[in-house]
Amino acid sequence: NAKNTVYLQMNSLKPEDTAVYYCARH
């Protein structure tokens, strides 16, 4: 929150994870 940033660490990636990834605010 000090950096106004959200992260997504993605490990063990699979071909089915292929996509455009979007962040969003509730």
mmCIF file of all heavy atoms, coordinates in Angstrom:
data_MODEL
# 
_entry.id   MODEL 
# 
loop_
_atom_site.group_PDB 
_atom_site.id 
_atom_site.type_symbol 
_atom_site.label_atom_id 
_atom_site.label_alt_id 
_atom_site.label_comp_id 
_atom_site.label_asym_id 
_atom_site.label_entity_id 
_atom_site.label_seq_id 
_atom_site.pdbx_PDB_ins_code 
_atom_site.Cartn_x 
_atom_site.Cartn_y 
_atom_site.Cartn_z 
_atom_site.occupancy 
_atom_site.B_iso_or_equiv 
_atom_site.pdbx_formal_charge 
_atom_site.auth_seq_id 
_atom_site.auth_comp_id 
_atom_site.auth_asym_id 
_atom_site.auth_atom_id 
_atom_site.pdbx_PDB_model_num 
ATOM 1   N N   . ASN A 1 1  ? 0.811   -1.219  0.000   1.00 0.00 ? 1  ASN A N   1 
ATOM 2   C CA  . ASN A 1 1  ? 0.000   0.000   0.000   1.00 0.00 ? 1  ASN A CA  1 
ATOM 3   C C   . ASN A 1 1  ? 0.849   1.276   0.000   1.00 0.00 ? 1  ASN A C   1 
ATOM 4   O O   . ASN A 1 1  ? 0.384   2.324   -0.450  1.00 0.00 ? 1  ASN A O   1 
ATOM 5   C CB  . ASN A 1 1  ? -0.953  -0.008  1.187   1.00 0.00 ? 1  ASN A CB  1 
ATOM 6   C CG  . ASN A 1 1  ? -2.105  -0.992  1.001   1.00 0.00 ? 1  ASN A CG  1 
ATOM 7   O OD1 . ASN A 1 1  ? -2.408  -1.409  -0.125  1.00 0.00 ? 1  ASN A OD1 1 
ATOM 8   N ND2 . ASN A 1 1  ? -2.740  -1.380  2.093   1.00 0.00 ? 1  ASN A ND2 1 
ATOM 9   N N   . ALA A 1 2  ? 2.063   1.176   0.485   1.00 0.00 ? 2  ALA A N   1 
ATOM 10  C CA  . ALA A 1 2  ? 2.943   2.347   0.458   1.00 0.00 ? 2  ALA A CA  1 
ATOM 11  C C   . ALA A 1 2  ? 3.345   2.697   -0.970  1.00 0.00 ? 2  ALA A C   1 
ATOM 12  O O   . ALA A 1 2  ? 3.654   3.854   -1.264  1.00 0.00 ? 2  ALA A O   1 
ATOM 13  C CB  . ALA A 1 2  ? 4.183   2.085   1.303   1.00 0.00 ? 2  ALA A CB  1 
ATOM 14  N N   . LYS A 1 3  ? 3.327   1.696   -1.838  1.00 0.00 ? 3  LYS A N   1 
ATOM 15  C CA  . LYS A 1 3  ? 3.706   1.902   -3.242  1.00 0.00 ? 3  LYS A CA  1 
ATOM 16  C C   . LYS A 1 3  ? 2.498   1.894   -4.172  1.00 0.00 ? 3  LYS A C   1 
ATOM 17  O O   . LYS A 1 3  ? 2.669   1.968   -5.391  1.00 0.00 ? 3  LYS A O   1 
ATOM 18  C CB  . LYS A 1 3  ? 4.695   0.818   -3.679  1.00 0.00 ? 3  LYS A CB  1 
ATOM 19  C CG  . LYS A 1 3  ? 6.022   0.856   -2.949  1.00 0.00 ? 3  LYS A CG  1 
ATOM 20  C CD  . LYS A 1 3  ? 6.967   -0.209  -3.478  1.00 0.00 ? 3  LYS A CD  1 
ATOM 21  C CE  . LYS A 1 3  ? 8.315   -0.132  -2.772  1.00 0.00 ? 3  LYS A CE  1 
ATOM 22  N NZ  . LYS A 1 3  ? 9.256   -1.167  -3.274  1.00 0.00 ? 3  LYS A NZ  1 
ATOM 23  N N   . ASN A 1 4  ? 1.302   1.763   -3.612  1.00 0.00 ? 4  ASN A N   1 
ATOM 24  C CA  . ASN A 1 4  ? 0.090   1.696   -4.438  1.00 0.00 ? 4  ASN A CA  1 
ATOM 25  C C   . ASN A 1 4  ? 0.210   0.617   -5.520  1.00 0.00 ? 4  ASN A C   1 
ATOM 26  O O   . ASN A 1 4  ? -0.154  0.847   -6.696  1.00 0.00 ? 4  ASN A O   1 
ATOM 27  C CB  . ASN A 1 4  ? -0.214  3.050   -5.090  1.00 0.00 ? 4  ASN A CB  1 
ATOM 28  C CG  . ASN A 1 4  ? -0.927  3.989   -4.147  1.00 0.00 ? 4  ASN A CG  1 
ATOM 29  O OD1 . ASN A 1 4  ? -0.946  3.778   -2.943  1.00 0.00 ? 4  ASN A OD1 1 
ATOM 30  N ND2 . ASN A 1 4  ? -1.509  5.043   -4.688  1.00 0.00 ? 4  ASN A ND2 1 
ATOM 31  N N   . THR A 1 5  ? 0.699   -0.530  -5.137  1.00 0.00 ? 5  THR A N   1 
ATOM 32  C CA  . THR A 1 5  ? 0.977   -1.588  -6.110  1.00 0.00 ? 5  THR A CA  1 
ATOM 33  C C   . THR A 1 5  ? 0.462   -2.937  -5.607  1.00 0.00 ? 5  THR A C   1 
ATOM 34  O O   . THR A 1 5  ? 0.601   -3.247  -4.416  1.00 0.00 ? 5  THR A O   1 
ATOM 35  C CB  . THR A 1 5  ? 2.479   -1.680  -6.408  1.00 0.00 ? 5  THR A CB  1 
ATOM 36  O OG1 . THR A 1 5  ? 2.937   -0.419  -6.894  1.00 0.00 ? 5  THR A OG1 1 
ATOM 37  C CG2 . THR A 1 5  ? 2.763   -2.745  -7.465  1.00 0.00 ? 5  THR A CG2 1 
ATOM 38  N N   . VAL A 1 6  ? -0.108  -3.690  -6.528  1.00 0.00 ? 6  VAL A N   1 
ATOM 39  C CA  . VAL A 1 6  ? -0.518  -5.071  -6.235  1.00 0.00 ? 6  VAL A CA  1 
ATOM 40  C C   . VAL A 1 6  ? 0.267   -5.988  -7.166  1.00 0.00 ? 6  VAL A C   1 
ATOM 41  O O   . VAL A 1 6  ? 0.572   -5.615  -8.313  1.00 0.00 ? 6  VAL A O   1 
ATOM 42  C CB  . VAL A 1 6  ? -2.042  -5.247  -6.396  1.00 0.00 ? 6  VAL A CB  1 
ATOM 43  C CG1 . VAL A 1 6  ? -2.500  -4.938  -7.805  1.00 0.00 ? 6  VAL A CG1 1 
ATOM 44  C CG2 . VAL A 1 6  ? -2.478  -6.634  -5.967  1.00 0.00 ? 6  VAL A CG2 1 
ATOM 45  N N   . TYR A 1 7  ? 0.603   -7.161  -6.669  1.00 0.00 ? 7  TYR A N   1 
ATOM 46  C CA  . TYR A 1 7  ? 1.449   -8.098  -7.399  1.00 0.00 ? 7  TYR A CA  1 
ATOM 47  C C   . TYR A 1 7  ? 0.737   -9.437  -7.580  1.00 0.00 ? 7  TYR A C   1 
ATOM 48  O O   . TYR A 1 7  ? -0.138  -9.807  -6.796  1.00 0.00 ? 7  TYR A O   1 
ATOM 49  C CB  . TYR A 1 7  ? 2.754   -8.336  -6.645  1.00 0.00 ? 7  TYR A CB  1 
ATOM 50  C CG  . TYR A 1 7  ? 3.524   -7.087  -6.318  1.00 0.00 ? 7  TYR A CG  1 
ATOM 51  C CD1 . TYR A 1 7  ? 3.419   -6.485  -5.069  1.00 0.00 ? 7  TYR A CD1 1 
ATOM 52  C CD2 . TYR A 1 7  ? 4.374   -6.495  -7.265  1.00 0.00 ? 7  TYR A CD2 1 
ATOM 53  C CE1 . TYR A 1 7  ? 4.122   -5.340  -4.764  1.00 0.00 ? 7  TYR A CE1 1 
ATOM 54  C CE2 . TYR A 1 7  ? 5.079   -5.344  -6.959  1.00 0.00 ? 7  TYR A CE2 1 
ATOM 55  C CZ  . TYR A 1 7  ? 4.950   -4.772  -5.715  1.00 0.00 ? 7  TYR A CZ  1 
ATOM 56  O OH  . TYR A 1 7  ? 5.649   -3.635  -5.416  1.00 0.00 ? 7  TYR A OH  1 
ATOM 57  N N   . LEU A 1 8  ? 1.176   -10.161 -8.594  1.00 0.00 ? 8  LEU A N   1 
ATOM 58  C CA  . LEU A 1 8  ? 0.741   -11.537 -8.774  1.00 0.00 ? 8  LEU A CA  1 
ATOM 59  C C   . LEU A 1 8  ? 1.970   -12.364 -9.134  1.00 0.00 ? 8  LEU A C   1 
ATOM 60  O O   . LEU A 1 8  ? 2.505   -12.235 -10.244 1.00 0.00 ? 8  LEU A O   1 
ATOM 61  C CB  . LEU A 1 8  ? -0.325  -11.656 -9.866  1.00 0.00 ? 8  LEU A CB  1 
ATOM 62  C CG  . LEU A 1 8  ? -0.935  -13.054 -10.003 1.00 0.00 ? 8  LEU A CG  1 
ATOM 63  C CD1 . LEU A 1 8  ? -1.780  -13.382 -8.770  1.00 0.00 ? 8  LEU A CD1 1 
ATOM 64  C CD2 . LEU A 1 8  ? -1.785  -13.154 -11.272 1.00 0.00 ? 8  LEU A CD2 1 
ATOM 65  N N   . GLN A 1 9  ? 2.429   -13.150 -8.183  1.00 0.00 ? 9  GLN A N   1 
ATOM 66  C CA  . GLN A 1 9  ? 3.542   -14.062 -8.419  1.00 0.00 ? 9  GLN A CA  1 
ATOM 67  C C   . GLN A 1 9  ? 2.979   -15.349 -8.983  1.00 0.00 ? 9  GLN A C   1 
ATOM 68  O O   . GLN A 1 9  ? 2.137   -16.000 -8.349  1.00 0.00 ? 9  GLN A O   1 
ATOM 69  C CB  . GLN A 1 9  ? 4.295   -14.335 -7.113  1.00 0.00 ? 9  GLN A CB  1 
ATOM 70  C CG  . GLN A 1 9  ? 5.442   -15.322 -7.257  1.00 0.00 ? 9  GLN A CG  1 
ATOM 71  C CD  . GLN A 1 9  ? 6.570   -14.790 -8.107  1.00 0.00 ? 9  GLN A CD  1 
ATOM 72  O OE1 . GLN A 1 9  ? 6.975   -13.641 -7.965  1.00 0.00 ? 9  GLN A OE1 1 
ATOM 73  N NE2 . GLN A 1 9  ? 7.097   -15.631 -8.981  1.00 0.00 ? 9  GLN A NE2 1 
ATOM 74  N N   . MET A 1 10 ? 3.449   -15.724 -10.166 1.00 0.00 ? 10 MET A N   1 
ATOM 75  C CA  . MET A 1 10 ? 2.932   -16.908 -10.845 1.00 0.00 ? 10 MET A CA  1 
ATOM 76  C C   . MET A 1 10 ? 4.054   -17.924 -11.006 1.00 0.00 ? 10 MET A C   1 
ATOM 77  O O   . MET A 1 10 ? 5.039   -17.648 -11.701 1.00 0.00 ? 10 MET A O   1 
ATOM 78  C CB  . MET A 1 10 ? 2.358   -16.522 -12.217 1.00 0.00 ? 10 MET A CB  1 
ATOM 79  C CG  . MET A 1 10 ? 1.321   -15.404 -12.146 1.00 0.00 ? 10 MET A CG  1 
ATOM 80  S SD  . MET A 1 10 ? 0.535   -15.074 -13.729 1.00 0.00 ? 10 MET A SD  1 
ATOM 81  C CE  . MET A 1 10 ? 1.928   -14.476 -14.660 1.00 0.00 ? 10 MET A CE  1 
ATOM 82  N N   . ASN A 1 11 ? 3.911   -19.057 -10.369 1.00 0.00 ? 11 ASN A N   1 
ATOM 83  C CA  . ASN A 1 11 ? 4.892   -20.132 -10.434 1.00 0.00 ? 11 ASN A CA  1 
ATOM 84  C C   . ASN A 1 11 ? 4.285   -21.363 -11.104 1.00 0.00 ? 11 ASN A C   1 
ATOM 85  O O   . ASN A 1 11 ? 3.067   -21.472 -11.239 1.00 0.00 ? 11 ASN A O   1 
ATOM 86  C CB  . ASN A 1 11 ? 5.358   -20.494 -9.022  1.00 0.00 ? 11 ASN A CB  1 
ATOM 87  C CG  . ASN A 1 11 ? 6.042   -19.356 -8.309  1.00 0.00 ? 11 ASN A CG  1 
ATOM 88  O OD1 . ASN A 1 11 ? 6.676   -18.501 -8.934  1.00 0.00 ? 11 ASN A OD1 1 
ATOM 89  N ND2 . ASN A 1 11 ? 5.914   -19.330 -6.998  1.00 0.00 ? 11 ASN A ND2 1 
ATOM 90  N N   . SER A 1 12 ? 5.149   -22.265 -11.520 1.00 0.00 ? 12 SER A N   1 
ATOM 91  C CA  . SER A 1 12 ? 4.707   -23.515 -12.149 1.00 0.00 ? 12 SER A CA  1 
ATOM 92  C C   . SER A 1 12 ? 3.697   -23.239 -13.259 1.00 0.00 ? 12 SER A C   1 
ATOM 93  O O   . SER A 1 12 ? 2.639   -23.875 -13.338 1.00 0.00 ? 12 SER A O   1 
ATOM 94  C CB  . SER A 1 12 ? 4.097   -24.448 -11.100 1.00 0.00 ? 12 SER A CB  1 
ATOM 95  O OG  . SER A 1 12 ? 5.011   -24.727 -10.066 1.00 0.00 ? 12 SER A OG  1 
ATOM 96  N N   . LEU A 1 13 ? 4.036   -22.315 -14.108 1.00 0.00 ? 13 LEU A N   1 
ATOM 97  C CA  . LEU A 1 13 ? 3.104   -21.896 -15.147 1.00 0.00 ? 13 LEU A CA  1 
ATOM 98  C C   . LEU A 1 13 ? 2.836   -23.020 -16.138 1.00 0.00 ? 13 LEU A C   1 
ATOM 99  O O   . LEU A 1 13 ? 3.715   -23.836 -16.441 1.00 0.00 ? 13 LEU A O   1 
ATOM 100 C CB  . LEU A 1 13 ? 3.640   -20.668 -15.869 1.00 0.00 ? 13 LEU A CB  1 
ATOM 101 C CG  . LEU A 1 13 ? 3.464   -19.359 -15.083 1.00 0.00 ? 13 LEU A CG  1 
ATOM 102 C CD1 . LEU A 1 13 ? 4.397   -18.279 -15.605 1.00 0.00 ? 13 LEU A CD1 1 
ATOM 103 C CD2 . LEU A 1 13 ? 2.021   -18.896 -15.156 1.00 0.00 ? 13 LEU A CD2 1 
ATOM 104 N N   . LYS A 1 14 ? 1.602   -23.023 -16.636 1.00 0.00 ? 14 LYS A N   1 
ATOM 105 C CA  . LYS A 1 14 ? 1.152   -24.040 -17.585 1.00 0.00 ? 14 LYS A CA  1 
ATOM 106 C C   . LYS A 1 14 ? 0.697   -23.343 -18.873 1.00 0.00 ? 14 LYS A C   1 
ATOM 107 O O   . LYS A 1 14 ? 0.301   -22.178 -18.837 1.00 0.00 ? 14 LYS A O   1 
ATOM 108 C CB  . LYS A 1 14 ? -0.034  -24.805 -16.993 1.00 0.00 ? 14 LYS A CB  1 
ATOM 109 C CG  . LYS A 1 14 ? 0.234   -25.448 -15.649 1.00 0.00 ? 14 LYS A CG  1 
ATOM 110 C CD  . LYS A 1 14 ? -1.030  -26.091 -15.095 1.00 0.00 ? 14 LYS A CD  1 
ATOM 111 C CE  . LYS A 1 14 ? -0.794  -26.715 -13.729 1.00 0.00 ? 14 LYS A CE  1 
ATOM 112 N NZ  . LYS A 1 14 ? -2.026  -27.344 -13.187 1.00 0.00 ? 14 LYS A NZ  1 
ATOM 113 N N   . PRO A 1 15 ? 0.698   -24.040 -19.992 1.00 0.00 ? 15 PRO A N   1 
ATOM 114 C CA  . PRO A 1 15 ? 0.210   -23.431 -21.231 1.00 0.00 ? 15 PRO A CA  1 
ATOM 115 C C   . PRO A 1 15 ? -1.204  -22.877 -21.093 1.00 0.00 ? 15 PRO A C   1 
ATOM 116 O O   . PRO A 1 15 ? -1.532  -21.855 -21.713 1.00 0.00 ? 15 PRO A O   1 
ATOM 117 C CB  . PRO A 1 15 ? 0.278   -24.589 -22.227 1.00 0.00 ? 15 PRO A CB  1 
ATOM 118 C CG  . PRO A 1 15 ? 1.400   -25.431 -21.724 1.00 0.00 ? 15 PRO A CG  1 
ATOM 119 C CD  . PRO A 1 15 ? 1.300   -25.368 -20.225 1.00 0.00 ? 15 PRO A CD  1 
ATOM 120 N N   . GLU A 1 16 ? -2.027  -23.497 -20.289 1.00 0.00 ? 16 GLU A N   1 
ATOM 121 C CA  . GLU A 1 16 ? -3.404  -23.024 -20.113 1.00 0.00 ? 16 GLU A CA  1 
ATOM 122 C C   . GLU A 1 16 ? -3.489  -21.728 -19.309 1.00 0.00 ? 16 GLU A C   1 
ATOM 123 O O   . GLU A 1 16 ? -4.567  -21.142 -19.192 1.00 0.00 ? 16 GLU A O   1 
ATOM 124 C CB  . GLU A 1 16 ? -4.288  -24.099 -19.474 1.00 0.00 ? 16 GLU A CB  1 
ATOM 125 C CG  . GLU A 1 16 ? -3.715  -24.706 -18.218 1.00 0.00 ? 16 GLU A CG  1 
ATOM 126 C CD  . GLU A 1 16 ? -3.008  -26.026 -18.484 1.00 0.00 ? 16 GLU A CD  1 
ATOM 127 O OE1 . GLU A 1 16 ? -2.226  -26.101 -19.473 1.00 0.00 ? 16 GLU A OE1 1 
ATOM 128 O OE2 . GLU A 1 16 ? -3.213  -26.965 -17.686 1.00 0.00 ? 16 GLU A OE2 1 
ATOM 129 N N   . ASP A 1 17 ? -2.367  -21.258 -18.770 1.00 0.00 ? 17 ASP A N   1 
ATOM 130 C CA  . ASP A 1 17 ? -2.338  -19.952 -18.102 1.00 0.00 ? 17 ASP A CA  1 
ATOM 131 C C   . ASP A 1 17 ? -2.156  -18.811 -19.110 1.00 0.00 ? 17 ASP A C   1 
ATOM 132 O O   . ASP A 1 17 ? -2.224  -17.640 -18.728 1.00 0.00 ? 17 ASP A O   1 
ATOM 133 C CB  . ASP A 1 17 ? -1.204  -19.887 -17.079 1.00 0.00 ? 17 ASP A CB  1 
ATOM 134 C CG  . ASP A 1 17 ? -1.407  -20.847 -15.914 1.00 0.00 ? 17 ASP A CG  1 
ATOM 135 O OD1 . ASP A 1 17 ? -2.555  -20.961 -15.429 1.00 0.00 ? 17 ASP A OD1 1 
ATOM 136 O OD2 . ASP A 1 17 ? -0.420  -21.479 -15.493 1.00 0.00 ? 17 ASP A OD2 1 
ATOM 137 N N   . THR A 1 18 ? -1.927  -19.149 -20.361 1.00 0.00 ? 18 THR A N   1 
ATOM 138 C CA  . THR A 1 18 ? -1.747  -18.131 -21.396 1.00 0.00 ? 18 THR A CA  1 
ATOM 139 C C   . THR A 1 18 ? -3.006  -17.281 -21.529 1.00 0.00 ? 18 THR A C   1 
ATOM 140 O O   . THR A 1 18 ? -4.109  -17.803 -21.726 1.00 0.00 ? 18 THR A O   1 
ATOM 141 C CB  . THR A 1 18 ? -1.435  -18.793 -22.743 1.00 0.00 ? 18 THR A CB  1 
ATOM 142 O OG1 . THR A 1 18 ? -0.160  -19.448 -22.649 1.00 0.00 ? 18 THR A OG1 1 
ATOM 143 C CG2 . THR A 1 18 ? -1.396  -17.764 -23.865 1.00 0.00 ? 18 THR A CG2 1 
ATOM 144 N N   . ALA A 1 19 ? -2.835  -15.967 -21.377 1.00 0.00 ? 19 ALA A N   1 
ATOM 145 C CA  . ALA A 1 19 ? -3.969  -15.049 -21.408 1.00 0.00 ? 19 ALA A CA  1 
ATOM 146 C C   . ALA A 1 19 ? -3.454  -13.627 -21.262 1.00 0.00 ? 19 ALA A C   1 
ATOM 147 O O   . ALA A 1 19 ? -2.278  -13.410 -20.952 1.00 0.00 ? 19 ALA A O   1 
ATOM 148 C CB  . ALA A 1 19 ? -4.945  -15.353 -20.269 1.00 0.00 ? 19 ALA A CB  1 
ATOM 149 N N   . VAL A 1 20 ? -4.349  -12.683 -21.477 1.00 0.00 ? 20 VAL A N   1 
ATOM 150 C CA  . VAL A 1 20 ? -4.082  -11.303 -21.064 1.00 0.00 ? 20 VAL A CA  1 
ATOM 151 C C   . VAL A 1 20 ? -4.547  -11.171 -19.620 1.00 0.00 ? 20 VAL A C   1 
ATOM 152 O O   . VAL A 1 20 ? -5.679  -11.543 -19.301 1.00 0.00 ? 20 VAL A O   1 
ATOM 153 C CB  . VAL A 1 20 ? -4.815  -10.296 -21.965 1.00 0.00 ? 20 VAL A CB  1 
ATOM 154 C CG1 . VAL A 1 20 ? -4.571  -8.871  -21.471 1.00 0.00 ? 20 VAL A CG1 1 
ATOM 155 C CG2 . VAL A 1 20 ? -4.369  -10.447 -23.413 1.00 0.00 ? 20 VAL A CG2 1 
ATOM 156 N N   . TYR A 1 21 ? -3.671  -10.665 -18.778 1.00 0.00 ? 21 TYR A N   1 
ATOM 157 C CA  . TYR A 1 21 ? -3.970  -10.527 -17.353 1.00 0.00 ? 21 TYR A CA  1 
ATOM 158 C C   . TYR A 1 21 ? -4.285  -9.059  -17.042 1.00 0.00 ? 21 TYR A C   1 
ATOM 159 O O   . TYR A 1 21 ? -3.539  -8.159  -17.434 1.00 0.00 ? 21 TYR A O   1 
ATOM 160 C CB  . TYR A 1 21 ? -2.792  -11.012 -16.517 1.00 0.00 ? 21 TYR A CB  1 
ATOM 161 C CG  . TYR A 1 21 ? -2.712  -12.513 -16.451 1.00 0.00 ? 21 TYR A CG  1 
ATOM 162 C CD1 . TYR A 1 21 ? -2.341  -13.258 -17.569 1.00 0.00 ? 21 TYR A CD1 1 
ATOM 163 C CD2 . TYR A 1 21 ? -3.042  -13.212 -15.289 1.00 0.00 ? 21 TYR A CD2 1 
ATOM 164 C CE1 . TYR A 1 21 ? -2.296  -14.647 -17.524 1.00 0.00 ? 21 TYR A CE1 1 
ATOM 165 C CE2 . TYR A 1 21 ? -2.986  -14.594 -15.228 1.00 0.00 ? 21 TYR A CE2 1 
ATOM 166 C CZ  . TYR A 1 21 ? -2.621  -15.304 -16.355 1.00 0.00 ? 21 TYR A CZ  1 
ATOM 167 O OH  . TYR A 1 21 ? -2.575  -16.680 -16.310 1.00 0.00 ? 21 TYR A OH  1 
ATOM 168 N N   . TYR A 1 22 ? -5.369  -8.870  -16.312 1.00 0.00 ? 22 TYR A N   1 
ATOM 169 C CA  . TYR A 1 22 ? -5.845  -7.527  -15.954 1.00 0.00 ? 22 TYR A CA  1 
ATOM 170 C C   . TYR A 1 22 ? -5.909  -7.386  -14.435 1.00 0.00 ? 22 TYR A C   1 
ATOM 171 O O   . TYR A 1 22 ? -6.347  -8.308  -13.744 1.00 0.00 ? 22 TYR A O   1 
ATOM 172 C CB  . TYR A 1 22 ? -7.247  -7.294  -16.492 1.00 0.00 ? 22 TYR A CB  1 
ATOM 173 C CG  . TYR A 1 22 ? -7.395  -7.390  -17.980 1.00 0.00 ? 22 TYR A CG  1 
ATOM 174 C CD1 . TYR A 1 22 ? -7.667  -8.607  -18.599 1.00 0.00 ? 22 TYR A CD1 1 
ATOM 175 C CD2 . TYR A 1 22 ? -7.264  -6.260  -18.783 1.00 0.00 ? 22 TYR A CD2 1 
ATOM 176 C CE1 . TYR A 1 22 ? -7.811  -8.698  -19.980 1.00 0.00 ? 22 TYR A CE1 1 
ATOM 177 C CE2 . TYR A 1 22 ? -7.411  -6.332  -20.151 1.00 0.00 ? 22 TYR A CE2 1 
ATOM 178 C CZ  . TYR A 1 22 ? -7.682  -7.561  -20.744 1.00 0.00 ? 22 TYR A CZ  1 
ATOM 179 O OH  . TYR A 1 22 ? -7.820  -7.632  -22.113 1.00 0.00 ? 22 TYR A OH  1 
ATOM 180 N N   . CYS A 1 23 ? -5.506  -6.220  -13.955 1.00 0.00 ? 23 CYS A N   1 
ATOM 181 C CA  . CYS A 1 23 ? -5.801  -5.923  -12.562 1.00 0.00 ? 23 CYS A CA  1 
ATOM 182 C C   . CYS A 1 23 ? -7.010  -4.984  -12.529 1.00 0.00 ? 23 CYS A C   1 
ATOM 183 O O   . CYS A 1 23 ? -7.301  -4.278  -13.504 1.00 0.00 ? 23 CYS A O   1 
ATOM 184 C CB  . CYS A 1 23 ? -4.613  -5.331  -11.828 1.00 0.00 ? 23 CYS A CB  1 
ATOM 185 S SG  . CYS A 1 23 ? -4.190  -3.645  -12.277 1.00 0.00 ? 23 CYS A SG  1 
ATOM 186 N N   . ALA A 1 24 ? -7.686  -4.999  -11.400 1.00 0.00 ? 24 ALA A N   1 
ATOM 187 C CA  . ALA A 1 24 ? -8.904  -4.213  -11.275 1.00 0.00 ? 24 ALA A CA  1 
ATOM 188 C C   . ALA A 1 24 ? -9.112  -3.806  -9.818  1.00 0.00 ? 24 ALA A C   1 
ATOM 189 O O   . ALA A 1 24 ? -8.667  -4.503  -8.904  1.00 0.00 ? 24 ALA A O   1 
ATOM 190 C CB  . ALA A 1 24 ? -10.106 -5.012  -11.771 1.00 0.00 ? 24 ALA A CB  1 
ATOM 191 N N   . ARG A 1 25 ? -9.815  -2.691  -9.644  1.00 0.00 ? 25 ARG A N   1 
ATOM 192 C CA  . ARG A 1 25 ? -10.144 -2.219  -8.305  1.00 0.00 ? 25 ARG A CA  1 
ATOM 193 C C   . ARG A 1 25 ? -11.625 -2.475  -8.023  1.00 0.00 ? 25 ARG A C   1 
ATOM 194 O O   . ARG A 1 25 ? -12.499 -2.149  -8.839  1.00 0.00 ? 25 ARG A O   1 
ATOM 195 C CB  . ARG A 1 25 ? -9.850  -0.726  -8.183  1.00 0.00 ? 25 ARG A CB  1 
ATOM 196 C CG  . ARG A 1 25 ? -9.822  -0.241  -6.729  1.00 0.00 ? 25 ARG A CG  1 
ATOM 197 C CD  . ARG A 1 25 ? -9.882  1.256   -6.637  1.00 0.00 ? 25 ARG A CD  1 
ATOM 198 N NE  . ARG A 1 25 ? -11.246 1.747   -6.846  1.00 0.00 ? 25 ARG A NE  1 
ATOM 199 C CZ  . ARG A 1 25 ? -11.621 2.998   -6.643  1.00 0.00 ? 25 ARG A CZ  1 
ATOM 200 N NH1 . ARG A 1 25 ? -10.731 3.899   -6.233  1.00 0.00 ? 25 ARG A NH1 1 
ATOM 201 N NH2 . ARG A 1 25 ? -12.870 3.371   -6.853  1.00 0.00 ? 25 ARG A NH2 1 
ATOM 202 N N   . HIS A 1 26 ? -11.891 -3.028  -6.854  1.00 0.00 ? 26 HIS A N   1 
ATOM 203 C CA  . HIS A 1 26 ? -13.264 -3.295  -6.459  1.00 0.00 ? 26 HIS A CA  1 
ATOM 204 C C   . HIS A 1 26 ? -14.019 -1.982  -6.303  1.00 0.00 ? 26 HIS A C   1 
ATOM 205 O O   . HIS A 1 26 ? -13.433 -0.946  -5.986  1.00 0.00 ? 26 HIS A O   1 
ATOM 206 C CB  . HIS A 1 26 ? -13.275 -4.079  -5.147  1.00 0.00 ? 26 HIS A CB  1 
ATOM 207 C CG  . HIS A 1 26 ? -14.541 -4.832  -4.897  1.00 0.00 ? 26 HIS A CG  1 
ATOM 208 N ND1 . HIS A 1 26 ? -15.618 -4.261  -4.284  1.00 0.00 ? 26 HIS A ND1 1 
ATOM 209 C CD2 . HIS A 1 26 ? -14.893 -6.113  -5.184  1.00 0.00 ? 26 HIS A CD2 1 
ATOM 210 C CE1 . HIS A 1 26 ? -16.589 -5.157  -4.188  1.00 0.00 ? 26 HIS A CE1 1 
ATOM 211 N NE2 . HIS A 1 26 ? -16.172 -6.288  -4.734  1.00 0.00 ? 26 HIS A NE2 1 
# 
